[in-house]
Amino acid sequence: MIRPLWRALLRLRFLLWQRRRHDRLVLERGLGFPVLVLPGVFNPTLFLTTRVFVRHVEEHPLPEGCSVLDLGTGSGALAVAAARTAGRVVAVDVNPEAVRCARLNLILNRVDDRCEVRHGELFGAVAGERFDRVLCNPPFYRGSPRTDLERAFSATDFAERFAAGLPRHLAAGGCALVVLSSAGDERGFLAAFRAAALAVEEVARTRLPGEVIRVLRVAGP
């Protein structure tokens, strides 16, 4: 009963207070740094997963000078957080508007000198490259997206393709940090990680009335 009620409350909050900030040009400051969100781009401040992920990266900084891939960057918020200690950040998104949005936010937060944004799906834009850290705030729900914006929420086989491709893009000793929500297809992601023989460790947990948000460390076999 708690989980459906929680989802209903989140929907009501969105309708009453957040709708005016959705799918329009807006400057957000709820992550601790400014984020400009373009129409058609997932707004990272309207839901809690990005906030939890950014907080974890800030409280547990990435290794100084490391190389980072931010897969599915959206607004570029995670890339901005990672760039504070990373030596190089590559941010990738399948949504062309998200690519433009991320580039603007890297400039806005003055980290564009060590970051670049590429258009592509999953690991397609970084073929042959390896990274010390891969950050991923994935689409949580299993389903067929109809628009670029819906790709931020739903995918048919993202978990399986991410798990299969990850080992080929991790440097020696590298790992991925993935945020998951119990309100989404968490079991599907964990099953995909097991099928790919990846090592999974929970490194952070945020418990809400109807949802648990976890940050997982995922390493190659």
N, C-alpha and C. Protein backbone atom coordinates (compact mmCIF):
# COMPACT_ATOMS: atom_id res chain seq x y z
N MET A 1 0.82 -1.21 0.00
CA MET A 1 0.00 0.00 0.00
C MET A 1 0.85 1.26 0.00
N ILE A 2 2.03 1.20 0.64
CA ILE A 2 2.86 2.39 0.77
C ILE A 2 3.39 2.84 -0.58
N ARG A 3 3.87 1.87 -1.39
CA ARG A 3 4.49 2.25 -2.66
C ARG A 3 3.51 2.92 -3.62
N PRO A 4 2.29 2.36 -3.83
CA PRO A 4 1.33 3.07 -4.70
C PRO A 4 0.96 4.45 -4.17
N LEU A 5 0.84 4.57 -2.85
CA LEU A 5 0.52 5.87 -2.26
C LEU A 5 1.65 6.86 -2.50
N TRP A 6 2.89 6.39 -2.37
CA TRP A 6 4.05 7.25 -2.61
C TRP A 6 4.06 7.75 -4.05
N ARG A 7 3.80 6.84 -4.99
CA ARG A 7 3.77 7.24 -6.39
C ARG A 7 2.66 8.25 -6.65
N ALA A 8 1.51 8.06 -5.99
CA ALA A 8 0.40 9.00 -6.15
C ALA A 8 0.75 10.37 -5.60
N LEU A 9 1.48 10.41 -4.48
CA LEU A 9 1.89 11.68 -3.90
C LEU A 9 2.90 12.39 -4.79
N LEU A 10 3.82 11.62 -5.38
CA LEU A 10 4.79 12.22 -6.29
C LEU A 10 4.10 12.81 -7.52
N ARG A 11 3.10 12.09 -8.02
CA ARG A 11 2.36 12.60 -9.18
C ARG A 11 1.60 13.87 -8.81
N LEU A 12 1.00 13.90 -7.62
CA LEU A 12 0.27 15.08 -7.18
C LEU A 12 1.21 16.26 -7.01
N ARG A 13 2.39 16.02 -6.45
CA ARG A 13 3.38 17.08 -6.30
C ARG A 13 3.77 17.65 -7.65
N PHE A 14 3.96 16.74 -8.62
CA PHE A 14 4.32 17.19 -9.96
C PHE A 14 3.21 18.06 -10.56
N LEU A 15 1.98 17.62 -10.44
CA LEU A 15 0.86 18.35 -11.05
C LEU A 15 0.65 19.71 -10.39
N LEU A 16 0.82 19.78 -9.06
CA LEU A 16 0.51 21.01 -8.34
C LEU A 16 1.65 22.02 -8.37
N TRP A 17 2.89 21.54 -8.27
CA TRP A 17 4.01 22.48 -8.07
C TRP A 17 5.12 22.39 -9.12
N GLN A 18 5.24 21.26 -9.81
CA GLN A 18 6.41 21.09 -10.68
C GLN A 18 6.10 21.18 -12.17
N ARG A 19 4.85 21.05 -12.55
CA ARG A 19 4.52 21.00 -13.98
C ARG A 19 5.03 22.24 -14.72
N ARG A 20 4.97 23.40 -14.07
CA ARG A 20 5.38 24.64 -14.73
C ARG A 20 6.87 24.63 -15.04
N ARG A 21 7.64 23.75 -14.38
CA ARG A 21 9.09 23.68 -14.63
C ARG A 21 9.45 22.53 -15.56
N HIS A 22 8.43 21.83 -16.08
CA HIS A 22 8.68 20.68 -16.93
C HIS A 22 8.55 21.04 -18.40
N ASP A 23 9.49 20.54 -19.19
CA ASP A 23 9.45 20.70 -20.64
C ASP A 23 9.43 22.16 -21.07
N ARG A 24 10.20 22.98 -20.38
CA ARG A 24 10.35 24.38 -20.76
C ARG A 24 11.74 24.85 -20.34
N LEU A 25 12.16 25.97 -20.86
CA LEU A 25 13.46 26.53 -20.49
C LEU A 25 13.39 27.04 -19.06
N VAL A 26 14.25 26.51 -18.20
CA VAL A 26 14.23 26.90 -16.80
C VAL A 26 15.64 26.76 -16.22
N LEU A 27 15.99 27.65 -15.31
CA LEU A 27 17.26 27.58 -14.61
C LEU A 27 17.02 27.03 -13.21
N GLU A 28 17.60 25.88 -12.92
CA GLU A 28 17.41 25.22 -11.63
C GLU A 28 18.66 25.37 -10.76
N ARG A 29 18.45 25.44 -9.45
CA ARG A 29 19.58 25.56 -8.52
C ARG A 29 19.50 24.54 -7.38
N GLY A 30 18.64 23.54 -7.51
CA GLY A 30 18.43 22.60 -6.42
C GLY A 30 19.51 21.57 -6.23
N LEU A 31 20.50 21.51 -7.11
CA LEU A 31 21.56 20.52 -6.98
C LEU A 31 22.83 21.08 -6.34
N GLY A 32 22.78 22.36 -5.98
CA GLY A 32 23.96 22.99 -5.40
C GLY A 32 24.78 23.77 -6.40
N PHE A 33 24.42 23.69 -7.66
CA PHE A 33 25.04 24.47 -8.72
C PHE A 33 23.98 24.71 -9.78
N PRO A 34 24.12 25.76 -10.59
CA PRO A 34 23.07 26.08 -11.56
C PRO A 34 23.01 25.06 -12.69
N VAL A 35 21.78 24.70 -13.07
CA VAL A 35 21.56 23.79 -14.19
C VAL A 35 20.47 24.38 -15.07
N LEU A 36 20.83 24.67 -16.31
CA LEU A 36 19.87 25.15 -17.29
C LEU A 36 19.24 23.95 -17.98
N VAL A 37 17.90 23.88 -17.98
CA VAL A 37 17.20 22.75 -18.59
C VAL A 37 16.43 23.24 -19.81
N LEU A 38 16.71 22.66 -20.95
CA LEU A 38 16.03 23.02 -22.19
C LEU A 38 14.75 22.20 -22.35
N PRO A 39 13.78 22.70 -23.09
CA PRO A 39 12.58 21.90 -23.40
C PRO A 39 12.97 20.58 -24.06
N GLY A 40 12.32 19.50 -23.66
CA GLY A 40 12.62 18.20 -24.22
C GLY A 40 13.74 17.46 -23.53
N VAL A 41 14.27 18.05 -22.42
CA VAL A 41 15.35 17.42 -21.66
C VAL A 41 14.86 17.12 -20.26
N PHE A 42 15.21 15.95 -19.75
CA PHE A 42 14.83 15.54 -18.40
C PHE A 42 15.32 16.56 -17.38
N ASN A 43 14.42 17.05 -16.54
CA ASN A 43 14.78 18.01 -15.50
C ASN A 43 15.28 17.25 -14.27
N PRO A 44 16.56 17.34 -13.94
CA PRO A 44 17.12 16.51 -12.87
C PRO A 44 16.67 16.89 -11.47
N THR A 45 16.05 18.05 -11.31
CA THR A 45 15.65 18.48 -9.96
C THR A 45 14.23 18.07 -9.60
N LEU A 46 13.47 17.55 -10.57
CA LEU A 46 12.08 17.20 -10.28
C LEU A 46 11.95 15.82 -9.65
N PHE A 47 13.00 15.02 -9.72
CA PHE A 47 13.01 13.69 -9.12
C PHE A 47 14.27 13.55 -8.29
N LEU A 48 14.31 12.56 -7.41
CA LEU A 48 15.36 12.51 -6.40
C LEU A 48 16.60 11.74 -6.81
N THR A 49 16.53 10.93 -7.86
CA THR A 49 17.66 10.06 -8.16
C THR A 49 18.92 10.86 -8.52
N THR A 50 18.78 11.89 -9.34
CA THR A 50 19.96 12.68 -9.70
C THR A 50 20.53 13.39 -8.48
N ARG A 51 19.66 13.90 -7.62
CA ARG A 51 20.14 14.58 -6.42
C ARG A 51 20.92 13.63 -5.53
N VAL A 52 20.42 12.40 -5.37
CA VAL A 52 21.12 11.40 -4.57
C VAL A 52 22.46 11.06 -5.19
N PHE A 53 22.49 10.91 -6.52
CA PHE A 53 23.71 10.55 -7.21
C PHE A 53 24.74 11.68 -7.12
N VAL A 54 24.31 12.92 -7.36
CA VAL A 54 25.23 14.06 -7.27
C VAL A 54 25.79 14.18 -5.86
N ARG A 55 24.94 14.00 -4.85
CA ARG A 55 25.41 14.09 -3.47
C ARG A 55 26.46 13.03 -3.17
N HIS A 56 26.25 11.83 -3.69
CA HIS A 56 27.23 10.76 -3.47
C HIS A 56 28.57 11.11 -4.11
N VAL A 57 28.54 11.62 -5.34
CA VAL A 57 29.78 11.99 -6.03
C VAL A 57 30.48 13.12 -5.29
N GLU A 58 29.74 14.05 -4.73
CA GLU A 58 30.36 15.16 -4.00
C GLU A 58 30.91 14.70 -2.65
N GLU A 59 30.22 13.78 -1.97
CA GLU A 59 30.68 13.31 -0.67
C GLU A 59 31.79 12.27 -0.80
N HIS A 60 31.85 11.60 -1.93
CA HIS A 60 32.89 10.59 -2.19
C HIS A 60 33.52 10.94 -3.54
N PRO A 61 34.37 11.96 -3.58
CA PRO A 61 34.92 12.45 -4.85
C PRO A 61 35.60 11.35 -5.66
N LEU A 62 35.46 11.45 -6.96
CA LEU A 62 36.13 10.52 -7.86
C LEU A 62 37.64 10.73 -7.77
N PRO A 63 38.44 9.72 -8.10
CA PRO A 63 39.90 9.86 -8.01
C PRO A 63 40.41 11.06 -8.79
N GLU A 64 41.32 11.76 -8.20
CA GLU A 64 41.90 12.96 -8.83
C GLU A 64 42.50 12.62 -10.19
N GLY A 65 42.07 13.35 -11.21
CA GLY A 65 42.62 13.18 -12.54
C GLY A 65 42.10 12.00 -13.32
N CYS A 66 41.09 11.30 -12.82
CA CYS A 66 40.60 10.11 -13.50
C CYS A 66 39.80 10.47 -14.76
N SER A 67 39.62 9.48 -15.62
CA SER A 67 38.79 9.66 -16.81
C SER A 67 37.39 9.13 -16.52
N VAL A 68 36.37 9.87 -16.96
CA VAL A 68 34.99 9.56 -16.60
C VAL A 68 34.11 9.56 -17.84
N LEU A 69 33.23 8.58 -17.93
CA LEU A 69 32.18 8.56 -18.94
C LEU A 69 30.85 8.73 -18.23
N ASP A 70 30.11 9.77 -18.59
CA ASP A 70 28.77 10.00 -18.06
C ASP A 70 27.79 9.55 -19.14
N LEU A 71 27.22 8.37 -18.95
CA LEU A 71 26.40 7.74 -19.98
C LEU A 71 24.94 8.10 -19.77
N GLY A 72 24.34 8.75 -20.76
CA GLY A 72 22.98 9.26 -20.62
C GLY A 72 22.99 10.52 -19.78
N THR A 73 23.78 11.49 -20.20
CA THR A 73 24.06 12.65 -19.35
C THR A 73 22.87 13.56 -19.12
N GLY A 74 21.90 13.60 -20.06
CA GLY A 74 20.76 14.50 -19.89
C GLY A 74 21.19 15.95 -19.86
N SER A 75 20.91 16.61 -18.76
CA SER A 75 21.28 18.02 -18.59
C SER A 75 22.77 18.23 -18.37
N GLY A 76 23.51 17.14 -18.09
CA GLY A 76 24.93 17.26 -17.81
C GLY A 76 25.26 17.45 -16.35
N ALA A 77 24.27 17.30 -15.46
CA ALA A 77 24.49 17.56 -14.04
C ALA A 77 25.57 16.66 -13.45
N LEU A 78 25.54 15.37 -13.76
CA LEU A 78 26.54 14.46 -13.22
C LEU A 78 27.93 14.76 -13.78
N ALA A 79 27.98 15.15 -15.04
CA ALA A 79 29.27 15.52 -15.63
C ALA A 79 29.87 16.72 -14.91
N VAL A 80 29.03 17.69 -14.56
CA VAL A 80 29.51 18.86 -13.81
C VAL A 80 30.07 18.43 -12.46
N ALA A 81 29.34 17.58 -11.75
CA ALA A 81 29.80 17.11 -10.43
C ALA A 81 31.10 16.32 -10.55
N ALA A 82 31.19 15.47 -11.57
CA ALA A 82 32.38 14.64 -11.74
C ALA A 82 33.60 15.46 -12.10
N ALA A 83 33.40 16.54 -12.86
CA ALA A 83 34.52 17.33 -13.37
C ALA A 83 35.28 18.07 -12.28
N ARG A 84 34.74 18.11 -11.09
CA ARG A 84 35.42 18.83 -10.01
C ARG A 84 36.73 18.15 -9.63
N THR A 85 36.83 16.83 -9.83
CA THR A 85 38.08 16.13 -9.52
C THR A 85 38.63 15.36 -10.72
N ALA A 86 37.77 15.03 -11.68
CA ALA A 86 38.22 14.23 -12.82
C ALA A 86 39.14 15.03 -13.72
N GLY A 87 40.02 14.31 -14.41
CA GLY A 87 40.88 14.98 -15.38
C GLY A 87 40.24 15.13 -16.73
N ARG A 88 39.32 14.22 -17.04
CA ARG A 88 38.64 14.23 -18.34
C ARG A 88 37.27 13.59 -18.19
N VAL A 89 36.25 14.25 -18.74
CA VAL A 89 34.88 13.73 -18.69
C VAL A 89 34.31 13.73 -20.10
N VAL A 90 33.78 12.59 -20.51
CA VAL A 90 33.04 12.49 -21.76
C VAL A 90 31.58 12.20 -21.40
N ALA A 91 30.68 13.08 -21.83
CA ALA A 91 29.25 12.92 -21.55
C ALA A 91 28.55 12.54 -22.85
N VAL A 92 27.67 11.55 -22.78
CA VAL A 92 27.01 11.02 -23.98
C VAL A 92 25.50 10.98 -23.75
N ASP A 93 24.75 11.35 -24.79
CA ASP A 93 23.29 11.21 -24.73
C ASP A 93 22.74 10.99 -26.13
N VAL A 94 21.65 10.22 -26.19
CA VAL A 94 21.00 9.92 -27.47
C VAL A 94 20.09 11.06 -27.92
N ASN A 95 19.71 11.93 -26.99
CA ASN A 95 18.80 13.03 -27.28
C ASN A 95 19.60 14.26 -27.73
N PRO A 96 19.44 14.73 -28.97
CA PRO A 96 20.21 15.90 -29.43
C PRO A 96 20.00 17.13 -28.56
N GLU A 97 18.79 17.32 -28.03
CA GLU A 97 18.56 18.48 -27.16
C GLU A 97 19.33 18.34 -25.86
N ALA A 98 19.47 17.12 -25.35
CA ALA A 98 20.25 16.90 -24.14
C ALA A 98 21.73 17.20 -24.40
N VAL A 99 22.21 16.86 -25.58
CA VAL A 99 23.61 17.17 -25.93
C VAL A 99 23.84 18.68 -25.88
N ARG A 100 22.92 19.44 -26.46
CA ARG A 100 23.04 20.91 -26.43
C ARG A 100 22.95 21.42 -24.99
N CYS A 101 22.02 20.87 -24.24
CA CYS A 101 21.80 21.30 -22.86
C CYS A 101 23.05 21.04 -22.01
N ALA A 102 23.62 19.84 -22.13
CA ALA A 102 24.81 19.50 -21.35
C ALA A 102 25.97 20.43 -21.68
N ARG A 103 26.15 20.73 -22.96
CA ARG A 103 27.23 21.64 -23.34
C ARG A 103 27.07 23.00 -22.70
N LEU A 104 25.84 23.50 -22.66
CA LEU A 104 25.59 24.79 -22.03
C LEU A 104 25.91 24.74 -20.53
N ASN A 105 25.55 23.65 -19.87
CA ASN A 105 25.78 23.57 -18.43
C ASN A 105 27.26 23.38 -18.08
N LEU A 106 28.00 22.73 -18.94
CA LEU A 106 29.44 22.63 -18.71
C LEU A 106 30.10 24.00 -18.81
N ILE A 107 29.63 24.81 -19.76
CA ILE A 107 30.14 26.18 -19.89
C ILE A 107 29.67 27.03 -18.70
N LEU A 108 28.40 26.91 -18.35
CA LEU A 108 27.83 27.68 -17.26
C LEU A 108 28.58 27.45 -15.96
N ASN A 109 29.01 26.20 -15.73
CA ASN A 109 29.71 25.86 -14.49
C ASN A 109 31.24 25.85 -14.66
N ARG A 110 31.71 26.33 -15.80
CA ARG A 110 33.13 26.54 -16.06
C ARG A 110 33.97 25.27 -15.91
N VAL A 111 33.44 24.17 -16.43
CA VAL A 111 34.22 22.92 -16.45
C VAL A 111 34.35 22.39 -17.88
N ASP A 112 34.00 23.22 -18.86
CA ASP A 112 34.04 22.78 -20.25
C ASP A 112 35.46 22.55 -20.76
N ASP A 113 36.46 23.05 -20.04
CA ASP A 113 37.84 22.85 -20.48
C ASP A 113 38.30 21.41 -20.33
N ARG A 114 37.62 20.61 -19.50
CA ARG A 114 38.00 19.21 -19.33
C ARG A 114 36.85 18.25 -19.61
N CYS A 115 35.83 18.74 -20.29
CA CYS A 115 34.67 17.91 -20.61
C CYS A 115 34.31 18.05 -22.08
N GLU A 116 33.76 17.00 -22.64
CA GLU A 116 33.17 17.07 -23.96
C GLU A 116 31.87 16.28 -23.97
N VAL A 117 30.97 16.68 -24.87
CA VAL A 117 29.67 16.03 -24.97
C VAL A 117 29.53 15.45 -26.37
N ARG A 118 29.07 14.21 -26.44
CA ARG A 118 28.90 13.53 -27.72
C ARG A 118 27.47 13.01 -27.86
N HIS A 119 27.02 12.97 -29.09
CA HIS A 119 25.70 12.42 -29.38
C HIS A 119 25.85 10.95 -29.75
N GLY A 120 25.08 10.09 -29.09
CA GLY A 120 25.14 8.66 -29.40
C GLY A 120 24.33 7.85 -28.40
N GLU A 121 24.15 6.59 -28.72
CA GLU A 121 23.38 5.69 -27.87
C GLU A 121 24.31 4.74 -27.15
N LEU A 122 24.15 4.65 -25.84
CA LEU A 122 24.98 3.78 -25.01
C LEU A 122 26.46 4.01 -25.31
N PHE A 123 27.21 2.93 -25.60
CA PHE A 123 28.65 3.06 -25.78
C PHE A 123 29.05 3.35 -27.22
N GLY A 124 28.07 3.57 -28.10
CA GLY A 124 28.39 3.77 -29.50
C GLY A 124 29.29 4.95 -29.77
N ALA A 125 29.18 6.00 -28.96
CA ALA A 125 29.97 7.22 -29.20
C ALA A 125 31.38 7.14 -28.62
N VAL A 126 31.70 6.05 -27.90
CA VAL A 126 33.03 5.93 -27.28
C VAL A 126 33.66 4.59 -27.65
N ALA A 127 33.38 4.11 -28.84
CA ALA A 127 33.93 2.82 -29.28
C ALA A 127 35.45 2.81 -29.17
N GLY A 128 35.97 1.76 -28.53
CA GLY A 128 37.42 1.61 -28.39
C GLY A 128 38.03 2.38 -27.24
N GLU A 129 37.25 3.16 -26.51
CA GLU A 129 37.78 3.95 -25.39
C GLU A 129 37.47 3.28 -24.05
N ARG A 130 38.34 3.51 -23.10
CA ARG A 130 38.16 2.97 -21.75
C ARG A 130 38.25 4.11 -20.73
N PHE A 131 37.55 3.91 -19.60
CA PHE A 131 37.45 4.97 -18.60
C PHE A 131 37.66 4.37 -17.20
N ASP A 132 38.15 5.23 -16.30
CA ASP A 132 38.32 4.81 -14.91
C ASP A 132 36.98 4.69 -14.20
N ARG A 133 36.05 5.57 -14.55
CA ARG A 133 34.71 5.55 -13.95
C ARG A 133 33.67 5.75 -15.04
N VAL A 134 32.59 4.99 -14.95
CA VAL A 134 31.43 5.17 -15.81
C VAL A 134 30.25 5.51 -14.91
N LEU A 135 29.63 6.64 -15.12
CA LEU A 135 28.47 7.06 -14.34
C LEU A 135 27.21 6.84 -15.17
N CYS A 136 26.19 6.29 -14.54
CA CYS A 136 24.97 6.01 -15.30
C CYS A 136 23.74 6.18 -14.41
N ASN A 137 22.88 7.12 -14.80
CA ASN A 137 21.55 7.29 -14.21
C ASN A 137 20.57 6.80 -15.28
N PRO A 138 20.24 5.52 -15.29
CA PRO A 138 19.59 4.91 -16.45
C PRO A 138 18.08 5.13 -16.47
N PRO A 139 17.45 4.81 -17.60
CA PRO A 139 15.98 4.76 -17.62
C PRO A 139 15.52 3.59 -16.75
N PHE A 140 14.72 3.88 -15.74
CA PHE A 140 14.37 2.87 -14.74
C PHE A 140 13.30 1.89 -15.19
N TYR A 141 12.43 2.32 -16.10
CA TYR A 141 11.25 1.53 -16.43
C TYR A 141 11.46 0.78 -17.73
N ARG A 142 10.94 -0.45 -17.78
CA ARG A 142 11.03 -1.24 -18.99
C ARG A 142 9.81 -0.97 -19.86
N GLY A 143 10.07 -0.49 -21.06
CA GLY A 143 8.99 -0.15 -21.98
C GLY A 143 9.55 0.53 -23.21
N SER A 144 8.70 0.82 -24.16
CA SER A 144 9.11 1.43 -25.42
C SER A 144 8.86 2.92 -25.40
N PRO A 145 9.91 3.75 -25.37
CA PRO A 145 9.72 5.21 -25.36
C PRO A 145 9.22 5.70 -26.72
N ARG A 146 8.37 6.72 -26.68
CA ARG A 146 7.82 7.28 -27.92
C ARG A 146 8.50 8.59 -28.31
N THR A 147 9.18 9.24 -27.37
CA THR A 147 9.85 10.51 -27.64
C THR A 147 11.24 10.47 -27.03
N ASP A 148 12.08 11.45 -27.42
CA ASP A 148 13.41 11.54 -26.82
C ASP A 148 13.33 11.75 -25.32
N LEU A 149 12.36 12.55 -24.86
CA LEU A 149 12.22 12.77 -23.43
C LEU A 149 11.87 11.48 -22.70
N GLU A 150 11.01 10.65 -23.29
CA GLU A 150 10.62 9.39 -22.65
C GLU A 150 11.79 8.42 -22.54
N ARG A 151 12.81 8.60 -23.38
CA ARG A 151 13.99 7.74 -23.30
C ARG A 151 14.70 7.89 -21.95
N ALA A 152 14.47 9.02 -21.28
CA ALA A 152 15.07 9.20 -19.96
C ALA A 152 14.41 8.33 -18.91
N PHE A 153 13.22 7.84 -19.20
CA PHE A 153 12.46 7.06 -18.22
C PHE A 153 12.35 5.59 -18.60
N SER A 154 12.22 5.29 -19.88
CA SER A 154 11.88 3.93 -20.31
C SER A 154 12.81 3.44 -21.40
N ALA A 155 13.06 2.11 -21.40
CA ALA A 155 13.84 1.46 -22.45
C ALA A 155 13.48 -0.01 -22.47
N THR A 156 13.69 -0.64 -23.60
CA THR A 156 13.31 -2.05 -23.71
C THR A 156 14.41 -2.98 -23.20
N ASP A 157 15.67 -2.70 -23.53
CA ASP A 157 16.75 -3.61 -23.15
C ASP A 157 18.02 -2.86 -22.74
N PHE A 158 17.86 -1.68 -22.16
CA PHE A 158 19.01 -0.88 -21.76
C PHE A 158 19.90 -1.64 -20.78
N ALA A 159 19.30 -2.28 -19.77
CA ALA A 159 20.07 -2.95 -18.73
C ALA A 159 20.98 -4.02 -19.33
N GLU A 160 20.44 -4.82 -20.23
CA GLU A 160 21.21 -5.91 -20.81
C GLU A 160 22.35 -5.39 -21.69
N ARG A 161 22.08 -4.37 -22.49
CA ARG A 161 23.12 -3.83 -23.37
C ARG A 161 24.18 -3.08 -22.58
N PHE A 162 23.77 -2.39 -21.53
CA PHE A 162 24.75 -1.70 -20.67
C PHE A 162 25.67 -2.72 -20.01
N ALA A 163 25.09 -3.77 -19.44
CA ALA A 163 25.89 -4.78 -18.74
C ALA A 163 26.84 -5.49 -19.70
N ALA A 164 26.37 -5.77 -20.91
CA ALA A 164 27.21 -6.47 -21.88
C ALA A 164 28.37 -5.61 -22.37
N GLY A 165 28.14 -4.31 -22.53
CA GLY A 165 29.17 -3.44 -23.07
C GLY A 165 30.12 -2.86 -22.06
N LEU A 166 29.74 -2.83 -20.79
CA LEU A 166 30.54 -2.16 -19.77
C LEU A 166 31.98 -2.67 -19.68
N PRO A 167 32.23 -3.99 -19.60
CA PRO A 167 33.62 -4.44 -19.41
C PRO A 167 34.57 -3.95 -20.49
N ARG A 168 34.09 -3.75 -21.72
CA ARG A 168 34.96 -3.32 -22.82
C ARG A 168 35.33 -1.84 -22.71
N HIS A 169 34.70 -1.12 -21.76
CA HIS A 169 34.96 0.31 -21.66
C HIS A 169 35.48 0.72 -20.28
N LEU A 170 35.88 -0.25 -19.48
CA LEU A 170 36.49 0.03 -18.18
C LEU A 170 37.99 -0.13 -18.27
N ALA A 171 38.71 0.87 -17.77
CA ALA A 171 40.15 0.76 -17.66
C ALA A 171 40.49 -0.23 -16.55
N ALA A 172 41.74 -0.64 -16.47
CA ALA A 172 42.17 -1.57 -15.42
C ALA A 172 41.86 -0.97 -14.05
N GLY A 173 41.16 -1.72 -13.23
CA GLY A 173 40.77 -1.24 -11.91
C GLY A 173 39.59 -0.30 -11.91
N GLY A 174 38.98 -0.08 -13.06
CA GLY A 174 37.85 0.85 -13.16
C GLY A 174 36.54 0.22 -12.75
N CYS A 175 35.53 1.05 -12.61
CA CYS A 175 34.21 0.57 -12.22
C CYS A 175 33.16 1.56 -12.70
N ALA A 176 31.91 1.12 -12.63
CA ALA A 176 30.78 1.99 -12.93
C ALA A 176 30.05 2.31 -11.64
N LEU A 177 29.45 3.48 -11.58
CA LEU A 177 28.52 3.85 -10.51
C LEU A 177 27.16 4.01 -11.16
N VAL A 178 26.19 3.24 -10.68
CA VAL A 178 24.85 3.22 -11.28
C VAL A 178 23.84 3.49 -10.19
N VAL A 179 22.91 4.41 -10.43
CA VAL A 179 21.85 4.69 -9.47
C VAL A 179 20.58 3.97 -9.93
N LEU A 180 19.92 3.28 -8.99
CA LEU A 180 18.70 2.54 -9.28
C LEU A 180 17.63 2.88 -8.25
N SER A 181 16.39 2.76 -8.67
CA SER A 181 15.25 3.01 -7.79
C SER A 181 14.40 1.75 -7.69
N SER A 182 13.95 1.46 -6.49
CA SER A 182 13.07 0.30 -6.31
C SER A 182 11.72 0.50 -6.99
N ALA A 183 11.40 1.74 -7.36
CA ALA A 183 10.15 2.01 -8.07
C ALA A 183 10.23 1.61 -9.54
N GLY A 184 11.44 1.34 -10.03
CA GLY A 184 11.63 0.95 -11.42
C GLY A 184 11.98 -0.52 -11.54
N ASP A 185 12.63 -0.87 -12.65
CA ASP A 185 12.98 -2.26 -12.93
C ASP A 185 14.33 -2.62 -12.31
N GLU A 186 14.43 -2.45 -11.01
CA GLU A 186 15.68 -2.74 -10.32
C GLU A 186 16.07 -4.20 -10.47
N ARG A 187 15.11 -5.10 -10.38
CA ARG A 187 15.42 -6.53 -10.51
C ARG A 187 15.98 -6.85 -11.88
N GLY A 188 15.45 -6.19 -12.92
CA GLY A 188 15.95 -6.43 -14.26
C GLY A 188 17.41 -6.03 -14.41
N PHE A 189 17.79 -4.89 -13.81
CA PHE A 189 19.18 -4.45 -13.87
C PHE A 189 20.09 -5.42 -13.12
N LEU A 190 19.69 -5.84 -11.94
CA LEU A 190 20.51 -6.76 -11.16
C LEU A 190 20.67 -8.09 -11.88
N ALA A 191 19.60 -8.57 -12.53
CA ALA A 191 19.68 -9.81 -13.29
C ALA A 191 20.64 -9.67 -14.47
N ALA A 192 20.61 -8.50 -15.12
CA ALA A 192 21.52 -8.27 -16.25
C ALA A 192 22.96 -8.23 -15.78
N PHE A 193 23.22 -7.64 -14.63
CA PHE A 193 24.58 -7.59 -14.09
C PHE A 193 25.07 -8.99 -13.76
N ARG A 194 24.20 -9.81 -13.16
CA ARG A 194 24.58 -11.19 -12.83
C ARG A 194 24.87 -11.98 -14.10
N ALA A 195 24.02 -11.82 -15.12
CA ALA A 195 24.21 -12.56 -16.37
C ALA A 195 25.51 -12.21 -17.06
N ALA A 196 25.98 -10.98 -16.86
CA ALA A 196 27.25 -10.54 -17.46
C ALA A 196 28.44 -10.79 -16.53
N ALA A 197 28.20 -11.48 -15.40
CA ALA A 197 29.25 -11.82 -14.43
C ALA A 197 29.92 -10.59 -13.85
N LEU A 198 29.15 -9.50 -13.68
CA LEU A 198 29.69 -8.28 -13.10
C LEU A 198 29.58 -8.32 -11.58
N ALA A 199 30.55 -7.74 -10.91
CA ALA A 199 30.53 -7.65 -9.45
C ALA A 199 29.76 -6.40 -9.04
N VAL A 200 28.80 -6.55 -8.14
CA VAL A 200 27.93 -5.45 -7.73
C VAL A 200 28.03 -5.24 -6.23
N GLU A 201 28.23 -3.98 -5.84
CA GLU A 201 28.30 -3.62 -4.42
C GLU A 201 27.50 -2.35 -4.18
N GLU A 202 26.65 -2.36 -3.18
CA GLU A 202 25.90 -1.16 -2.82
C GLU A 202 26.81 -0.21 -2.05
N VAL A 203 26.89 1.04 -2.50
CA VAL A 203 27.77 2.00 -1.83
C VAL A 203 26.99 3.15 -1.20
N ALA A 204 25.70 3.27 -1.49
CA ALA A 204 24.88 4.31 -0.86
C ALA A 204 23.42 3.90 -0.98
N ARG A 205 22.64 4.31 0.02
CA ARG A 205 21.20 3.98 0.03
C ARG A 205 20.43 5.15 0.63
N THR A 206 19.35 5.54 -0.02
CA THR A 206 18.44 6.55 0.49
C THR A 206 17.05 5.94 0.55
N ARG A 207 16.51 5.84 1.75
CA ARG A 207 15.21 5.20 1.92
C ARG A 207 14.13 6.27 2.06
N LEU A 208 13.12 6.19 1.21
CA LEU A 208 11.97 7.08 1.21
C LEU A 208 10.72 6.28 1.56
N PRO A 209 9.60 6.92 1.86
CA PRO A 209 8.41 6.17 2.29
C PRO A 209 7.99 5.06 1.34
N GLY A 210 8.07 5.28 0.03
CA GLY A 210 7.64 4.26 -0.91
C GLY A 210 8.69 3.90 -1.94
N GLU A 211 9.95 4.23 -1.66
CA GLU A 211 10.99 4.03 -2.65
C GLU A 211 12.35 3.96 -1.97
N VAL A 212 13.21 3.12 -2.49
CA VAL A 212 14.60 3.06 -2.04
C VAL A 212 15.48 3.38 -3.24
N ILE A 213 16.35 4.37 -3.09
CA ILE A 213 17.29 4.75 -4.14
C ILE A 213 18.67 4.27 -3.72
N ARG A 214 19.30 3.52 -4.60
CA ARG A 214 20.61 2.95 -4.27
C ARG A 214 21.63 3.34 -5.34
N VAL A 215 22.85 3.59 -4.88
CA VAL A 215 23.97 3.75 -5.78
C VAL A 215 24.81 2.48 -5.70
N LEU A 216 25.03 1.87 -6.86
CA LEU A 216 25.76 0.60 -6.92
C LEU A 216 27.11 0.79 -7.59
N ARG A 217 28.10 0.12 -7.07
CA ARG A 217 29.41 0.04 -7.73
C ARG A 217 29.42 -1.26 -8.53
N VAL A 218 29.64 -1.13 -9.83
CA VAL A 218 29.61 -2.29 -10.72
C VAL A 218 30.97 -2.42 -11.39
N ALA A 219 31.60 -3.59 -11.23
CA ALA A 219 32.93 -3.81 -11.78
C ALA A 219 32.93 -5.03 -12.69
N GLY A 220 33.91 -5.07 -13.57
CA GLY A 220 34.00 -6.17 -14.54
C GLY A 220 34.36 -7.48 -13.88
N PRO A 221 34.17 -8.57 -14.63
CA PRO A 221 34.48 -9.91 -14.09
C PRO A 221 35.98 -10.11 -13.91
